Amino acid sequence: MIEGLEHIVAQHAFFAGLDAPFVALVCGCAKNMRFDAGTYLFREGESADWFYLLRDGRAALELRDPARGAVTLQTLAQGEVCGLSWLVPPYRWSYDARALESVRAIAIDAACLRRKSEADPRFGYEMMKRFMPPLVERLQAARLQMIDVYGAHG
């Protein structure tokens, strides 16, 4: 099973080109998961214990607006990573992630990956280089969503 996960993780767009020893470190924290359409990968305020490498399907990152209900911040698909709040204390989700259709993913235990990143600074730096682009992308999406919300009401 580990060999299967290593192949899947090594072939995933998010970890493309990752050195084999680092792929093995990631896989030591990984397992396969499936989410049915409409189910939540995680909910705002919950402990950010896992993050997900999407293999198939799409998931919506949603913010709750008391006036409008769920507002989609971004839609993620195959090859993307879902969940970044595990990177920063207090390790709580700051939004919801909901499967828009059946989703297959590799779930990564966040605490396990943090421990391995702290133990091996080269590995930790490689992880940060990979997680910073989607983090910046999510911040940009949030900024655009705010412009849309306040532009519509302003």
Protein backbone atom coordinates (compact mmCIF):
# COMPACT_ATOMS: atom_id res chain seq x y z
CA MET A 1 0.00 0.00 0.00
CA ILE A 2 2.82 2.44 0.80
CA GLU A 3 4.30 1.87 -2.68
CA GLY A 4 0.92 2.75 -4.16
CA LEU A 5 0.72 5.93 -2.10
CA GLU A 6 4.29 6.87 -2.99
CA HIS A 7 3.46 6.58 -6.68
CA ILE A 8 0.24 8.60 -6.29
CA VAL A 9 1.92 11.34 -4.23
CA ALA A 10 4.95 11.52 -6.54
CA GLN A 11 2.63 11.87 -9.56
CA HIS A 12 0.35 14.47 -7.95
CA ALA A 13 0.82 17.93 -9.50
CA PHE A 14 1.30 19.56 -6.08
CA PHE A 15 4.33 17.40 -5.30
CA ALA A 16 5.70 17.15 -8.86
CA GLY A 17 9.50 16.84 -8.83
CA LEU A 18 9.71 16.16 -5.09
CA ASP A 19 12.77 14.04 -4.24
CA ALA A 20 11.95 10.38 -3.48
CA PRO A 21 13.10 10.55 0.18
CA PHE A 22 10.77 13.53 0.72
CA VAL A 23 7.90 11.68 -1.01
CA ALA A 24 8.47 8.84 1.46
CA LEU A 25 8.28 11.32 4.38
CA VAL A 26 4.96 12.68 3.07
CA CYS A 27 3.58 9.17 2.54
CA GLY A 28 4.37 8.24 6.13
CA CYS A 29 1.65 10.74 7.07
CA ALA A 30 -0.83 9.88 4.28
CA LYS A 31 -3.91 7.79 3.57
CA ASN A 32 -6.53 7.53 0.83
CA MET A 33 -9.91 9.21 1.41
CA ARG A 34 -13.19 9.59 -0.45
CA PHE A 35 -15.91 12.21 0.07
CA ASP A 36 -19.40 12.00 -1.42
CA ALA A 37 -20.91 15.03 -3.15
CA GLY A 38 -22.25 17.52 -0.60
CA THR A 39 -20.14 16.28 2.31
CA TYR A 40 -17.59 18.48 4.04
CA LEU A 41 -13.87 17.79 4.00
CA PHE A 42 -13.69 20.18 6.97
CA ARG A 43 -15.70 22.94 8.65
CA GLU A 44 -14.71 26.41 9.83
CA GLY A 45 -13.53 26.43 13.44
CA GLU A 46 -12.68 22.72 13.57
CA SER A 47 -9.16 21.56 14.33
CA ALA A 48 -7.03 21.54 11.15
CA ASP A 49 -5.65 18.03 11.62
CA TRP A 50 -5.54 16.98 7.96
CA PHE A 51 -5.15 18.51 4.52
CA TYR A 52 -5.94 16.93 1.18
CA LEU A 53 -4.30 16.37 -2.19
CA LEU A 54 -7.24 16.24 -4.60
CA ARG A 55 -7.03 13.33 -7.04
CA ASP A 56 -10.51 13.44 -8.60
CA GLY A 57 -13.54 15.67 -8.23
CA ARG A 58 -14.00 19.27 -7.15
CA ALA A 59 -14.34 20.94 -3.77
CA ALA A 60 -15.55 24.45 -2.92
CA LEU A 61 -13.86 26.60 -0.31
CA GLU A 62 -16.71 28.45 1.35
CA LEU A 63 -17.13 31.28 3.82
CA ARG A 64 -20.33 31.65 5.80
CA ASP A 65 -22.12 34.97 5.38
CA PRO A 66 -25.08 35.48 7.74
CA ALA A 67 -26.95 37.43 5.04
CA ARG A 68 -26.14 35.27 1.98
CA GLY A 69 -25.31 31.84 3.40
CA ALA A 70 -22.32 29.99 1.98
CA VAL A 71 -20.16 32.10 -0.35
CA THR A 72 -17.71 30.24 -2.56
CA LEU A 73 -14.24 31.68 -2.22
CA GLN A 74 -12.58 29.26 -4.63
CA THR A 75 -13.23 25.94 -6.35
CA LEU A 76 -10.44 23.36 -6.28
CA ALA A 77 -9.97 20.39 -8.59
CA GLN A 78 -7.64 17.48 -9.36
CA GLY A 79 -3.98 18.29 -8.74
CA GLU A 80 -4.64 20.96 -6.11
CA VAL A 81 -4.21 21.01 -2.36
CA CYS A 82 -7.21 21.61 -0.11
CA GLY A 83 -6.58 23.04 3.35
CA LEU A 84 -3.86 25.45 4.46
CA SER A 85 -4.89 26.37 8.01
CA TRP A 86 -2.83 23.48 9.38
CA LEU A 87 0.29 25.59 8.67
CA VAL A 88 -0.32 28.30 11.28
CA PRO A 89 -1.32 28.10 14.96
CA PRO A 90 -3.91 27.72 16.37
CA TYR A 91 -4.41 25.13 13.57
CA ARG A 92 -8.15 25.74 13.07
CA TRP A 93 -9.99 25.87 9.75
CA SER A 94 -10.87 29.43 8.75
CA TYR A 95 -13.40 28.32 6.09
CA ASP A 96 -15.40 25.26 5.00
CA ALA A 97 -14.44 22.84 2.23
CA ARG A 98 -17.37 20.99 0.63
CA ALA A 99 -17.25 18.28 -2.04
CA LEU A 100 -19.17 19.50 -5.10
CA GLU A 101 -19.03 15.99 -6.56
CA SER A 102 -17.44 12.74 -5.48
CA VAL A 103 -13.88 13.55 -4.37
CA ARG A 104 -10.95 11.16 -4.10
CA ALA A 105 -8.02 12.56 -2.15
CA ILE A 106 -4.86 11.73 -0.30
CA ALA A 107 -5.30 12.92 3.28
CA ILE A 108 -2.11 14.10 4.99
CA ASP A 109 -1.88 14.14 8.79
CA ALA A 110 -0.89 17.74 9.52
CA ALA A 111 0.77 17.17 12.90
CA CYS A 112 2.82 14.33 11.42
CA LEU A 113 4.01 16.53 8.54
CA ARG A 114 4.80 19.44 10.90
CA ARG A 115 6.94 17.13 13.07
CA LYS A 116 8.84 15.84 10.05
CA SER A 117 9.30 19.40 8.73
CA GLU A 118 10.74 20.55 12.06
CA ALA A 119 13.03 17.51 12.29
CA ASP A 120 14.44 18.02 8.77
CA PRO A 121 14.80 21.72 7.85
CA ARG A 122 15.49 20.88 4.19
CA PHE A 123 12.20 18.99 4.02
CA GLY A 124 10.41 21.77 5.91
CA TYR A 125 11.74 24.40 3.51
CA GLU A 126 10.63 22.30 0.53
CA MET A 127 7.14 22.05 2.04
CA MET A 128 6.95 25.82 2.61
CA LYS A 129 8.03 26.50 -0.99
CA ARG A 130 5.17 24.31 -2.18
CA PHE A 131 2.54 25.67 0.21
CA MET A 132 3.25 29.39 -0.22
CA PRO A 133 1.87 29.74 -3.80
CA PRO A 134 -1.59 28.33 -2.95
CA LEU A 135 -1.62 30.37 0.27
CA VAL A 136 -0.99 33.57 -1.69
CA GLU A 137 -3.58 32.47 -4.27
CA ARG A 138 -6.21 31.99 -1.53
CA LEU A 139 -5.43 35.41 -0.08
CA GLN A 140 -5.86 36.93 -3.53
CA ALA A 141 -9.17 35.10 -3.99
CA ALA A 142 -10.36 36.39 -0.60
CA ARG A 143 -9.37 39.91 -1.57
CA LEU A 144 -11.30 39.68 -4.84
CA GLN A 145 -14.31 38.26 -2.99
CA MET A 146 -14.21 41.23 -0.61
CA ILE A 147 -14.05 43.66 -3.53
CA ASP A 148 -17.07 41.91 -5.03
CA VAL A 149 -19.02 42.02 -1.77
CA TYR A 150 -18.22 45.61 -0.88
CA GLY A 151 -18.44 46.79 -4.49
CA ALA A 152 -21.96 45.37 -4.73
CA HIS A 153 -23.06 47.10 -1.52
CA GLY A 154 -21.09 50.29 -1.89
